[in-house]
PDB file of N, CA and C in Angstrom:
ATOM      1  N   ARG A   1     142.178 146.867  82.597  1.00  0.00           N
ATOM      2  CA  ARG A   1     142.997 146.892  83.539  1.00  0.00           C
ATOM      3  C   ARG A   1     142.342 147.090  84.949  1.00  0.00           C
ATOM      4  N   ALA A   2     142.591 146.914  85.963  1.00  0.00           N
ATOM      5  CA  ALA A   2     141.620 147.082  87.067  1.00  0.00           C
ATOM      6  C   ALA A   2     141.905 148.560  87.647  1.00  0.00           C
ATOM      7  N   ASP A   3     141.193 149.085  88.312  1.00  0.00           N
ATOM      8  CA  ASP A   3     140.658 149.970  89.347  1.00  0.00           C
ATOM      9  C   ASP A   3     142.611 150.788  89.334  1.00  0.00           C
ATOM     10  N   SER A   4     143.281 149.978  89.853  1.00  0.00           N
ATOM     11  CA  SER A   4     144.610 150.104  90.325  1.00  0.00           C
ATOM     12  C   SER A   4     145.773 150.319  89.381  1.00  0.00           C
ATOM     13  N   LYS A   5     144.976 150.094  88.240  1.00  0.00           N
ATOM     14  CA  LYS A   5     146.073 150.695  87.226  1.00  0.00           C
ATOM     15  C   LYS A   5     146.570 149.470  86.907  1.00  0.00           C
ATOM     16  N   GLN A   6     146.390 147.815  87.024  1.00  0.00           N
ATOM     17  CA  GLN A   6     147.263 146.597  87.467  1.00  0.00           C
ATOM     18  C   GLN A   6     146.627 146.351  86.172  1.00  0.00           C
ATOM     19  N   ARG A   7     147.654 145.623  85.337  1.00  0.00           N
ATOM     20  CA  ARG A   7     146.646 144.360  84.325  1.00  0.00           C
ATOM     21  C   ARG A   7     146.211 143.356  84.814  1.00  0.00           C
ATOM     22  N   THR A   8     145.150 142.980  84.472  1.00  0.00           N
ATOM     23  CA  THR A   8     144.586 141.707  84.517  1.00  0.00           C
ATOM     24  C   THR A   8     144.438 140.887  83.469  1.00  0.00           C
ATOM     25  N   TYR A   9     144.789 139.778  83.497  1.00  0.00           N
ATOM     26  CA  TYR A   9     144.426 138.795  82.572  1.00  0.00           C
ATOM     27  C   TYR A   9     143.699 137.930  82.439  1.00  0.00           C
ATOM     28  N   GLN A  10     143.112 137.319  81.472  1.00  0.00           N
ATOM     29  CA  GLN A  10     141.899 136.122  81.582  1.00  0.00           C
ATOM     30  C   GLN A  10     142.666 134.664  82.028  1.00  0.00           C
ATOM     31  N   ARG A  11     142.020 133.865  82.028  1.00  0.00           N
ATOM     32  CA  ARG A  11     142.607 132.359  82.483  1.00  0.00           C
ATOM     33  C   ARG A  11     143.405 131.795  80.856  1.00  0.00           C
ATOM     34  N   LYS A  12     142.452 132.150  79.559  1.00  0.00           N
ATOM     35  CA  LYS A  12     142.745 132.059  78.550  1.00  0.00           C
ATOM     36  C   LYS A  12     143.982 132.263  78.059  1.00  0.00           C
ATOM     37  N   ASP A  13     144.146 133.516  78.181  1.00  0.00           N
ATOM     38  CA  ASP A  13     145.243 134.748  78.127  1.00  0.00           C
ATOM     39  C   ASP A  13     146.431 133.947  78.810  1.00  0.00           C
ATOM     40  N   LEU A  14     146.629 133.548  80.132  1.00  0.00           N
ATOM     41  CA  LEU A  14     147.465 132.847  80.651  1.00  0.00           C
ATOM     42  C   LEU A  14     148.179 131.227  80.205  1.00  0.00           C
ATOM     43  N   GLU A  15     146.901 130.543  79.985  1.00  0.00           N
ATOM     44  CA  GLU A  15     147.130 129.507  79.254  1.00  0.00           C
ATOM     45  C   GLU A  15     147.781 129.791  77.877  1.00  0.00           C
ATOM     46  N   THR A  16     147.206 130.336  77.118  1.00  0.00           N
ATOM     47  CA  THR A  16     147.951 130.899  76.001  1.00  0.00           C
ATOM     48  C   THR A  16     149.488 130.805  75.971  1.00  0.00           C
ATOM     49  N   LEU A  17     149.808 131.750  77.102  1.00  0.00           N
ATOM     50  CA  LEU A  17     151.122 132.040  77.275  1.00  0.00           C
ATOM     51  C   LEU A  17     152.163 131.155  77.969  1.00  0.00           C
ATOM     52  N   LEU A  18     151.723 130.211  78.367  1.00  0.00           N
ATOM     53  CA  LEU A  18     152.083 128.943  79.217  1.00  0.00           C
ATOM     54  C   LEU A  18     152.478 128.197  78.265  1.00  0.00           C
ATOM     55  N   GLN A  19     151.441 127.745  76.731  1.00  0.00           N
ATOM     56  CA  GLN A  19     151.824 127.240  76.142  1.00  0.00           C
ATOM     57  C   GLN A  19     152.609 127.478  74.610  1.00  0.00           C
ATOM     58  N   ILE A  20     152.907 129.306  74.807  1.00  0.00           N
ATOM     59  CA  ILE A  20     153.923 129.553  74.401  1.00  0.00           C
ATOM     60  C   ILE A  20     155.167 129.143  74.605  1.00  0.00           C
ATOM     61  N   LYS A  21     155.363 129.193  76.153  1.00  0.00           N
ATOM     62  CA  LYS A  21     156.729 128.951  76.972  1.00  0.00           C
ATOM     63  C   LYS A  21     157.014 127.753  76.640  1.00  0.00           C
ATOM     64  N   ARG A  22     155.890 126.789  76.578  1.00  0.00           N
ATOM     65  CA  ARG A  22     156.161 125.487  76.459  1.00  0.00           C
ATOM     66  C   ARG A  22     156.818 124.958  74.902  1.00  0.00           C
ATOM     67  N   LEU A  23     156.365 125.438  74.062  1.00  0.00           N
ATOM     68  CA  LEU A  23     157.113 125.453  72.467  1.00  0.00           C
ATOM     69  C   LEU A  23     158.248 125.502  72.550  1.00  0.00           C
ATOM     70  N   LEU A  24     158.392 127.312  72.977  1.00  0.00           N
ATOM     71  CA  LEU A  24     159.543 127.941  72.557  1.00  0.00           C
ATOM     72  C   LEU A  24     161.006 127.049  73.575  1.00  0.00           C
ATOM     73  N   TYR A  25     160.712 126.858  74.838  1.00  0.00           N
ATOM     74  CA  TYR A  25     161.348 126.058  75.769  1.00  0.00           C
ATOM     75  C   TYR A  25     161.812 124.874  75.629  1.00  0.00           C
ATOM     76  N   GLU A  26     160.636 124.147  75.812  1.00  0.00           N
ATOM     77  CA  GLU A  26     160.593 122.727  76.222  1.00  0.00           C
ATOM     78  C   GLU A  26     160.803 121.965  74.855  1.00  0.00           C
ATOM     79  N   GLU A  27     159.787 122.332  73.752  1.00  0.00           N
ATOM     80  CA  GLU A  27     159.755 121.855  72.075  1.00  0.00           C
ATOM     81  C   GLU A  27     161.144 122.505  71.729  1.00  0.00           C
ATOM     82  N   ARG A  28     161.850 123.534  72.041  1.00  0.00           N
ATOM     83  CA  ARG A  28     162.751 124.208  71.374  1.00  0.00           C
ATOM     84  C   ARG A  28     162.626 124.608  69.755  1.00  0.00           C
ATOM     85  N   MET A  29     161.506 125.128  70.287  1.00  0.00           N
ATOM     86  CA  MET A  29     160.835 126.052  68.595  1.00  0.00           C
ATOM     87  C   MET A  29     161.098 127.014  68.183  1.00  0.00           C
ATOM     88  N   THR A  30     160.921 127.749  67.002  1.00  0.00           N
ATOM     89  CA  THR A  30     161.374 128.896  66.524  1.00  0.00           C
ATOM     90  C   THR A  30     159.688 129.765  66.856  1.00  0.00           C
ATOM     91  N   ILE A  31     160.389 131.121  66.956  1.00  0.00           N
ATOM     92  CA  ILE A  31     158.867 132.012  67.286  1.00  0.00           C
ATOM     93  C   ILE A  31     158.012 131.626  66.052  1.00  0.00           C
ATOM     94  N   GLU A  32     158.500 131.913  64.895  1.00  0.00           N
ATOM     95  CA  GLU A  32     157.161 131.137  63.626  1.00  0.00           C
ATOM     96  C   GLU A  32     156.927 129.812  64.072  1.00  0.00           C
ATOM     97  N   GLY A  33     157.943 128.838  64.282  1.00  0.00           N
ATOM     98  CA  GLY A  33     157.072 127.339  64.305  1.00  0.00           C
ATOM     99  C   GLY A  33     156.130 127.345  65.275  1.00  0.00           C
ATOM    100  N   ALA A  34     156.481 127.899  66.471  1.00  0.00           N
ATOM    101  CA  ALA A  34     155.416 128.469  67.483  1.00  0.00           C
ATOM    102  C   ALA A  34     153.924 128.998  67.277  1.00  0.00           C
ATOM    103  N   ARG A  35     154.273 129.839  66.494  1.00  0.00           N
ATOM    104  CA  ARG A  35     153.084 130.748  65.776  1.00  0.00           C
ATOM    105  C   ARG A  35     152.290 130.140  64.803  1.00  0.00           C
ATOM    106  N   LEU A  36     152.706 129.407  64.474  1.00  0.00           N
ATOM    107  CA  LEU A  36     152.298 128.036  62.926  1.00  0.00           C
ATOM    108  C   LEU A  36     151.357 127.341  63.697  1.00  0.00           C
ATOM    109  N   ARG A  37     152.062 126.681  65.246  1.00  0.00           N
ATOM    110  CA  ARG A  37     151.415 125.644  65.897  1.00  0.00           C
ATOM    111  C   ARG A  37     150.457 125.836  66.375  1.00  0.00           C
ATOM    112  N   LEU A  38     150.229 127.081  67.125  1.00  0.00           N
ATOM    113  CA  LEU A  38     149.258 127.869  67.572  1.00  0.00           C
ATOM    114  C   LEU A  38     148.127 127.773  66.743  1.00  0.00           C
ATOM    115  N   LYS A  39     148.343 128.477  65.600  1.00  0.00           N
ATOM    116  CA  LYS A  39     146.983 128.864  64.248  1.00  0.00           C
ATOM    117  C   LYS A  39     146.994 127.482  63.838  1.00  0.00           C
ATOM    118  N   GLU A  40     147.405 126.214  63.589  1.00  0.00           N
ATOM    119  CA  GLU A  40     146.826 124.768  63.380  1.00  0.00           C
ATOM    120  C   GLU A  40     146.124 124.864  64.396  1.00  0.00           C
ATOM    121  N   LYS A  41     146.288 124.766  65.616  1.00  0.00           N
ATOM    122  CA  LYS A  41     145.433 124.018  66.819  1.00  0.00           C
ATOM    123  C   LYS A  41     143.975 125.073  66.871  1.00  0.00           C
ATOM    124  N   LYS A  42     144.490 126.459  66.558  1.00  0.00           N
ATOM    125  CA  LYS A  42     142.935 127.088  66.573  1.00  0.00           C
ATOM    126  C   LYS A  42     142.032 127.075  65.277  1.00  0.00           C
ATOM    127  N   SER A  43     142.626 126.828  64.304  1.00  0.00           N
ATOM    128  CA  SER A  43     141.539 126.338  63.020  1.00  0.00           C
ATOM    129  C   SER A  43     141.331 125.040  63.240  1.00  0.00           C
ATOM    130  N   LYS A  44     141.977 124.379  64.132  1.00  0.00           N
ATOM    131  CA  LYS A  44     140.866 122.915  64.120  1.00  0.00           C
ATOM    132  C   LYS A  44     139.977 122.974  65.256  1.00  0.00           C
ATOM    133  N   ARG A  45     140.023 123.688  65.979  1.00  0.00           N
ATOM    134  CA  ARG A  45     139.113 123.833  67.005  1.00  0.00           C
ATOM    135  C   ARG A  45     137.941 125.105  66.353  1.00  0.00           C
ATOM    136  N   SER A  46     138.151 125.410  65.651  1.00  0.00           N
ATOM    137  CA  SER A  46     136.952 126.392  64.780  1.00  0.00           C
ATOM    138  C   SER A  46     136.489 125.466  63.654  1.00  0.00           C
ATOM    139  N   THR A  47     137.279 124.439  62.913  1.00  0.00           N
ATOM    140  CA  THR A  47     136.275 123.810  62.376  1.00  0.00           C
ATOM    141  C   THR A  47     135.454 122.780  62.466  1.00  0.00           C
ATOM    142  N   VAL A  48     135.493 122.324  64.199  1.00  0.00           N
ATOM    143  CA  VAL A  48     134.624 121.161  64.731  1.00  0.00           C
ATOM    144  C   VAL A  48     133.051 121.570  64.472  1.00  0.00           C
ATOM    145  N   SER A  49     132.378 121.318  64.128  1.00  0.00           N
ATOM    146  CA  SER A  49     131.097 121.519  63.918  1.00  0.00           C
ATOM    147  C   SER A  49     129.972 121.120  64.971  1.00  0.00           C
ATOM    148  N   TYR A  50     129.506 121.240  65.913  1.00  0.00           N
ATOM    149  CA  TYR A  50     128.354 120.293  66.463  1.00  0.00           C
ATOM    150  C   TYR A  50     126.938 120.966  66.028  1.00  0.00           C
ATOM    151  N   PRO A  51     126.163 119.816  65.584  1.00  0.00           N
ATOM    152  CA  PRO A  51     125.171 119.714  64.762  1.00  0.00           C
ATOM    153  C   PRO A  51     123.915 120.533  65.704  1.00  0.00           C
ATOM    154  N   PHE A  52     124.070 120.781  67.106  1.00  0.00           N
ATOM    155  CA  PHE A  52     123.140 121.271  68.047  1.00  0.00           C
ATOM    156  C   PHE A  52     123.527 122.988  67.760  1.00  0.00           C
ATOM    157  N   VAL A  53     124.888 123.184  67.518  1.00  0.00           N
ATOM    158  CA  VAL A  53     125.125 124.747  67.477  1.00  0.00           C
ATOM    159  C   VAL A  53     124.430 125.139  66.059  1.00  0.00           C
ATOM    160  N   GLN A  54     124.338 124.345  64.850  1.00  0.00           N
ATOM    161  CA  GLN A  54     124.262 125.336  63.834  1.00  0.00           C
ATOM    162  C   GLN A  54     122.341 125.290  63.963  1.00  0.00           C
ATOM    163  N   GLU A  55     121.759 123.990  64.637  1.00  0.00           N
ATOM    164  CA  GLU A  55     120.422 124.193  64.699  1.00  0.00           C
ATOM    165  C   GLU A  55     119.900 125.073  65.813  1.00  0.00           C
ATOM    166  N   ILE A  56     120.718 125.720  66.585  1.00  0.00           N
ATOM    167  CA  ILE A  56     120.294 126.537  67.806  1.00  0.00           C
ATOM    168  C   ILE A  56     120.726 128.008  66.755  1.00  0.00           C
ATOM    169  N   ARG A  57     121.753 127.999  66.279  1.00  0.00           N
ATOM    170  CA  ARG A  57     121.960 129.515  65.068  1.00  0.00           C
ATOM    171  C   ARG A  57     121.017 129.891  64.218  1.00  0.00           C
ATOM    172  N   GLY A  58     120.190 128.829  63.457  1.00  0.00           N
ATOM    173  CA  GLY A  58     119.194 128.482  62.840  1.00  0.00           C
ATOM    174  C   GLY A  58     117.617 129.451  63.674  1.00  0.00           C
ATOM    175  N   GLU A  59     117.381 129.034  64.700  1.00  0.00           N
ATOM    176  CA  GLU A  59     116.392 129.114  65.586  1.00  0.00           C
ATOM    177  C   GLU A  59     116.571 130.631  65.830  1.00  0.00           C
ATOM    178  N   LEU A  60     117.707 131.029  66.387  1.00  0.00           N
ATOM    179  CA  LEU A  60     118.079 132.415  66.672  1.00  0.00           C
ATOM    180  C   LEU A  60     117.672 133.090  65.362  1.00  0.00           C
ATOM    181  N   HIS A  61     118.295 132.785  64.173  1.00  0.00           N
ATOM    182  CA  HIS A  61     117.810 133.788  63.121  1.00  0.00           C
ATOM    183  C   HIS A  61     116.300 133.947  62.828  1.00  0.00           C
ATOM    184  N   GLU A  62     115.673 132.697  63.269  1.00  0.00           N
ATOM    185  CA  GLU A  62     114.159 132.757  63.190  1.00  0.00           C
ATOM    186  C   GLU A  62     113.755 133.650  64.226  1.00  0.00           C
ATOM    187  N   ILE A  63     114.458 133.672  65.250  1.00  0.00           N
ATOM    188  CA  ILE A  63     113.731 134.675  66.515  1.00  0.00           C
ATOM    189  C   ILE A  63     113.913 136.099  65.351  1.00  0.00           C
ATOM    190  N   LEU A  64     114.894 136.291  65.439  1.00  0.00           N
ATOM    191  CA  LEU A  64     115.694 137.609  64.973  1.00  0.00           C
ATOM    192  C   LEU A  64     114.688 138.122  63.792  1.00  0.00           C
ATOM    193  N   GLU A  65     114.450 137.361  62.722  1.00  0.00           N
ATOM    194  CA  GLU A  65     112.831 137.585  61.592  1.00  0.00           C
ATOM    195  C   GLU A  65     111.704 137.779  62.258  1.00  0.00           C
ATOM    196  N   ILE A  66     111.150 137.039  63.327  1.00  0.00           N
ATOM    197  CA  ILE A  66     110.405 137.674  63.704  1.00  0.00           C
ATOM    198  C   ILE A  66     110.072 138.913  64.559  1.00  0.00           C
ATOM    199  N   LEU A  67     111.700 139.310  64.959  1.00  0.00           N
ATOM    200  CA  LEU A  67     111.545 140.479  65.776  1.00  0.00           C
ATOM    201  C   LEU A  67     111.482 141.880  65.323  1.00  0.00           C
ATOM    202  N   ARG A  68     111.797 141.679  63.796  1.00  0.00           N
ATOM    203  CA  ARG A  68     111.853 142.552  62.951  1.00  0.00           C
ATOM    204  C   ARG A  68     110.889 143.106  62.141  1.00  0.00           C
TER     205      ARG A  68
END
């Protein structure tokens, strides 16, 4: 919340809200169907693996070990 006690939303939250609205009203999906569609989309994004991310993660683990 902002200092004025008014809620503020991140861009990601608003995009999700608009996507839900589109699924429910334009594609005429049920709430459960929209929930499943969003869950599928999220799992597809999280399964994408970028090699450089794995490499950086490994390097960060090495740095952590050195610092310990």
